[in-house]
Amino acid sequence: MRITKNSLNTTVGPEEWFTGTVYVDTITTPTEQSRLSAVNVHFSPSARTAWHTHPCGQTIYVTEGIGLCQRRGGPVEVLYPGDKVFFEPNEEHWHGAAPQRFMTHIAFLEVDAAGTSATWGSHVTDEEYTMPAM
């Protein structure tokens, strides 16, 4: 058995990448042996990422709350605990919490050979951020 004690503090998600209040807990960062990055991301109600892409794709796994996600040109999708989303490599997308609900997900991705994990774009506008009828 091997236990690795967490030595990293919770960080606030950068304003350049997020709208609203977001907290990030790092699970693992890329090393010489593995290009895997994993973070536990806590979104306050209506908080969301900016539009972005990942060179090797990204999987998110919702652990609590209700979330929303969208790929460029597609509909806004509602996410519940246990839902998994795979965003294809270089697929422009965003994800975050539903209005008036918190949402937490674990995000898994690999960095590319240059160490790039994401390319960030413009913030998702209030018009783009809409809760679909349920």
C-alpha atoms as a PDB file:
ATOM      1  CA  MET A   1       0.000   0.000   0.000  1.00  0.00           C
ATOM      2  CA  ARG A   2       1.221   3.489  -0.839  1.00  0.00           C
ATOM      3  CA  ILE A   3      -0.429   6.645   0.508  1.00  0.00           C
ATOM      4  CA  THR A   4       0.523   9.980  -0.993  1.00  0.00           C
ATOM      5  CA  LYS A   5      -0.403  12.888   1.247  1.00  0.00           C
ATOM      6  CA  ASN A   6      -1.858  15.877  -0.552  1.00  0.00           C
ATOM      7  CA  SER A   7       0.563  18.780  -0.314  1.00  0.00           C
ATOM      8  CA  LEU A   8      -1.275  21.137  -2.647  1.00  0.00           C
ATOM      9  CA  ASN A   9      -3.727  23.756  -1.476  1.00  0.00           C
ATOM     10  CA  THR A  10      -7.094  24.438  -3.068  1.00  0.00           C
ATOM     11  CA  THR A  11      -6.706  27.242  -5.600  1.00  0.00           C
ATOM     12  CA  VAL A  12      -9.164  29.727  -7.058  1.00  0.00           C
ATOM     13  CA  GLY A  13      -9.735  29.243 -10.782  1.00  0.00           C
ATOM     14  CA  PRO A  14      -8.149  32.072 -12.800  1.00  0.00           C
ATOM     15  CA  GLU A  15     -10.495  34.804 -14.059  1.00  0.00           C
ATOM     16  CA  GLU A  16      -9.035  34.376 -17.549  1.00  0.00           C
ATOM     17  CA  TRP A  17     -10.372  30.807 -17.677  1.00  0.00           C
ATOM     18  CA  PHE A  18     -13.607  31.034 -15.641  1.00  0.00           C
ATOM     19  CA  THR A  19     -16.717  33.132 -15.108  1.00  0.00           C
ATOM     20  CA  GLY A  20     -17.874  33.075 -11.484  1.00  0.00           C
ATOM     21  CA  THR A  21     -16.241  31.462  -8.485  1.00  0.00           C
ATOM     22  CA  VAL A  22     -14.439  28.190  -9.124  1.00  0.00           C
ATOM     23  CA  TYR A  23     -12.108  26.204  -6.852  1.00  0.00           C
ATOM     24  CA  VAL A  24      -9.591  23.636  -8.084  1.00  0.00           C
ATOM     25  CA  ASP A  25      -8.034  20.747  -6.167  1.00  0.00           C
ATOM     26  CA  THR A  26      -5.168  19.089  -8.028  1.00  0.00           C
ATOM     27  CA  ILE A  27      -5.214  15.287  -8.025  1.00  0.00           C
ATOM     28  CA  THR A  28      -2.191  14.678 -10.242  1.00  0.00           C
ATOM     29  CA  THR A  29       0.066  16.639 -12.557  1.00  0.00           C
ATOM     30  CA  PRO A  30       2.069  15.395 -15.539  1.00  0.00           C
ATOM     31  CA  THR A  31       5.438  13.786 -14.802  1.00  0.00           C
ATOM     32  CA  GLU A  32       8.212  12.208 -16.851  1.00  0.00           C
ATOM     33  CA  GLN A  33       6.416   8.860 -16.538  1.00  0.00           C
ATOM     34  CA  SER A  34       2.851  10.059 -17.253  1.00  0.00           C
ATOM     35  CA  ARG A  35       1.246  12.897 -19.196  1.00  0.00           C
ATOM     36  CA  LEU A  36      -1.948  12.610 -17.097  1.00  0.00           C
ATOM     37  CA  SER A  37      -3.439  15.639 -15.377  1.00  0.00           C
ATOM     38  CA  ALA A  38      -6.467  15.322 -13.105  1.00  0.00           C
ATOM     39  CA  VAL A  39      -8.240  17.982 -11.067  1.00  0.00           C
ATOM     40  CA  ASN A  40     -11.358  18.148  -8.924  1.00  0.00           C
ATOM     41  CA  VAL A  41     -13.191  21.351  -9.894  1.00  0.00           C
ATOM     42  CA  HIS A  42     -15.890  22.966  -7.734  1.00  0.00           C
ATOM     43  CA  PHE A  43     -18.184  25.410  -9.564  1.00  0.00           C
ATOM     44  CA  SER A  44     -20.460  27.814  -7.682  1.00  0.00           C
ATOM     45  CA  PRO A  45     -23.930  28.362  -9.176  1.00  0.00           C
ATOM     46  CA  SER A  46     -23.686  29.740 -12.762  1.00  0.00           C
ATOM     47  CA  ALA A  47     -19.869  29.515 -12.734  1.00  0.00           C
ATOM     48  CA  ARG A  48     -18.384  28.114 -15.915  1.00  0.00           C
ATOM     49  CA  THR A  49     -15.247  27.770 -17.984  1.00  0.00           C
ATOM     50  CA  ALA A  50     -14.424  29.950 -20.944  1.00  0.00           C
ATOM     51  CA  TRP A  51     -14.513  28.343 -24.382  1.00  0.00           C
ATOM     52  CA  HIS A  52     -11.450  26.113 -24.679  1.00  0.00           C
ATOM     53  CA  THR A  53      -9.889  23.071 -26.326  1.00  0.00           C
ATOM     54  CA  HIS A  54      -7.545  20.286 -25.211  1.00  0.00           C
ATOM     55  CA  PRO A  55      -4.950  18.915 -27.639  1.00  0.00           C
ATOM     56  CA  CYS A  56      -5.468  15.328 -26.426  1.00  0.00           C
ATOM     57  CA  GLY A  57      -9.132  15.611 -25.413  1.00  0.00           C
ATOM     58  CA  GLN A  58     -10.667  15.716 -21.936  1.00  0.00           C
ATOM     59  CA  THR A  59     -13.005  13.565 -19.856  1.00  0.00           C
ATOM     60  CA  ILE A  60     -15.078  15.071 -17.065  1.00  0.00           C
ATOM     61  CA  TYR A  61     -16.938  13.013 -14.456  1.00  0.00           C
ATOM     62  CA  VAL A  62     -19.654  14.823 -12.501  1.00  0.00           C
ATOM     63  CA  THR A  63     -19.572  13.904  -8.805  1.00  0.00           C
ATOM     64  CA  GLU A  64     -22.228  16.238  -7.383  1.00  0.00           C
ATOM     65  CA  GLY A  65     -24.705  18.942  -8.291  1.00  0.00           C
ATOM     66  CA  ILE A  66     -26.086  19.802 -11.708  1.00  0.00           C
ATOM     67  CA  GLY A  67     -23.901  20.992 -14.546  1.00  0.00           C
ATOM     68  CA  LEU A  68     -24.077  22.207 -18.094  1.00  0.00           C
ATOM     69  CA  CYS A  69     -21.754  21.694 -21.044  1.00  0.00           C
ATOM     70  CA  GLN A  70     -21.693  22.570 -24.711  1.00  0.00           C
ATOM     71  CA  ARG A  71     -19.500  21.952 -27.711  1.00  0.00           C
ATOM     72  CA  ARG A  72     -19.264  24.762 -30.259  1.00  0.00           C
ATOM     73  CA  GLY A  73     -22.313  24.592 -32.517  1.00  0.00           C
ATOM     74  CA  GLY A  74     -24.114  22.013 -30.366  1.00  0.00           C
ATOM     75  CA  PRO A  75     -26.921  22.282 -27.816  1.00  0.00           C
ATOM     76  CA  VAL A  76     -26.348  22.989 -24.134  1.00  0.00           C
ATOM     77  CA  GLU A  77     -26.479  19.637 -22.304  1.00  0.00           C
ATOM     78  CA  VAL A  78     -27.508  19.067 -18.670  1.00  0.00           C
ATOM     79  CA  LEU A  79     -25.208  16.901 -16.520  1.00  0.00           C
ATOM     80  CA  TYR A  80     -26.003  14.964 -13.337  1.00  0.00           C
ATOM     81  CA  PRO A  81     -23.853  13.053 -10.813  1.00  0.00           C
ATOM     82  CA  GLY A  82     -22.326  10.003 -12.472  1.00  0.00           C
ATOM     83  CA  ASP A  83     -22.453  11.502 -15.970  1.00  0.00           C
ATOM     84  CA  LYS A  84     -19.243  11.391 -18.001  1.00  0.00           C
ATOM     85  CA  VAL A  85     -18.394  13.600 -20.969  1.00  0.00           C
ATOM     86  CA  PHE A  86     -15.510  13.092 -23.382  1.00  0.00           C
ATOM     87  CA  PHE A  87     -14.532  16.153 -25.377  1.00  0.00           C
ATOM     88  CA  GLU A  88     -12.628  15.175 -28.524  1.00  0.00           C
ATOM     89  CA  PRO A  89      -9.107  16.511 -29.110  1.00  0.00           C
ATOM     90  CA  ASN A  90      -9.294  20.186 -30.135  1.00  0.00           C
ATOM     91  CA  GLU A  91     -13.103  20.251 -29.782  1.00  0.00           C
ATOM     92  CA  GLU A  92     -14.074  23.730 -28.594  1.00  0.00           C
ATOM     93  CA  HIS A  93     -16.338  23.495 -25.550  1.00  0.00           C
ATOM     94  CA  TRP A  94     -17.246  24.824 -22.107  1.00  0.00           C
ATOM     95  CA  HIS A  95     -18.673  23.308 -18.911  1.00  0.00           C
ATOM     96  CA  GLY A  96     -19.863  24.572 -15.554  1.00  0.00           C
ATOM     97  CA  ALA A  97     -22.616  24.685 -12.965  1.00  0.00           C
ATOM     98  CA  ALA A  98     -26.298  25.149 -13.670  1.00  0.00           C
ATOM     99  CA  PRO A  99     -27.956  28.359 -12.477  1.00  0.00           C
ATOM    100  CA  GLN A 100     -28.636  28.237  -8.735  1.00  0.00           C
ATOM    101  CA  ARG A 101     -26.818  24.876  -8.339  1.00  0.00           C
ATOM    102  CA  PHE A 102     -23.284  23.920  -7.382  1.00  0.00           C
ATOM    103  CA  MET A 103     -21.484  21.339  -9.530  1.00  0.00           C
ATOM    104  CA  THR A 104     -18.279  19.396  -8.957  1.00  0.00           C
ATOM    105  CA  HIS A 105     -16.477  17.311 -11.531  1.00  0.00           C
ATOM    106  CA  ILE A 106     -13.187  15.514 -11.881  1.00  0.00           C
ATOM    107  CA  ALA A 107     -11.401  16.436 -15.108  1.00  0.00           C
ATOM    108  CA  PHE A 108      -8.918  14.040 -16.698  1.00  0.00           C
ATOM    109  CA  LEU A 109      -6.659  14.932 -19.612  1.00  0.00           C
ATOM    110  CA  GLU A 110      -3.240  14.295 -21.092  1.00  0.00           C
ATOM    111  CA  VAL A 111      -0.885  17.101 -22.008  1.00  0.00           C
ATOM    112  CA  ASP A 112       0.654  17.019 -25.470  1.00  0.00           C
ATOM    113  CA  ALA A 113       4.373  16.508 -26.169  1.00  0.00           C
ATOM    114  CA  ALA A 114       5.006  20.218 -25.533  1.00  0.00           C
ATOM    115  CA  GLY A 115       3.221  20.059 -22.159  1.00  0.00           C
ATOM    116  CA  THR A 116       0.139  21.987 -23.334  1.00  0.00           C
ATOM    117  CA  SER A 117      -3.063  21.037 -21.521  1.00  0.00           C
ATOM    118  CA  ALA A 118      -5.525  23.572 -22.948  1.00  0.00           C
ATOM    119  CA  THR A 119      -5.940  26.533 -25.252  1.00  0.00           C
ATOM    120  CA  TRP A 120      -8.286  29.113 -23.765  1.00  0.00           C
ATOM    121  CA  GLY A 121     -10.659  31.323 -25.755  1.00  0.00           C
ATOM    122  CA  SER A 122     -13.331  33.901 -25.018  1.00  0.00           C
ATOM    123  CA  HIS A 123     -15.650  33.796 -22.032  1.00  0.00           C
ATOM    124  CA  VAL A 124     -19.034  32.164 -22.504  1.00  0.00           C
ATOM    125  CA  THR A 125     -21.558  34.995 -22.770  1.00  0.00           C
ATOM    126  CA  ASP A 126     -24.777  35.116 -20.758  1.00  0.00           C
ATOM    127  CA  GLU A 127     -26.636  34.554 -24.049  1.00  0.00           C
ATOM    128  CA  GLU A 128     -24.607  31.375 -24.737  1.00  0.00           C
ATOM    129  CA  TYR A 129     -25.023  30.180 -21.136  1.00  0.00           C
ATOM    130  CA  THR A 130     -28.638  29.039 -21.041  1.00  0.00           C
ATOM    131  CA  MET A 131     -30.352  26.266 -19.129  1.00  0.00           C
ATOM    132  CA  PRO A 132     -32.300  24.062 -21.554  1.00  0.00           C
ATOM    133  CA  ALA A 133     -35.939  23.326 -20.810  1.00  0.00           C
ATOM    134  CA  MET A 134     -36.273  20.115 -18.824  1.00  0.00           C
END
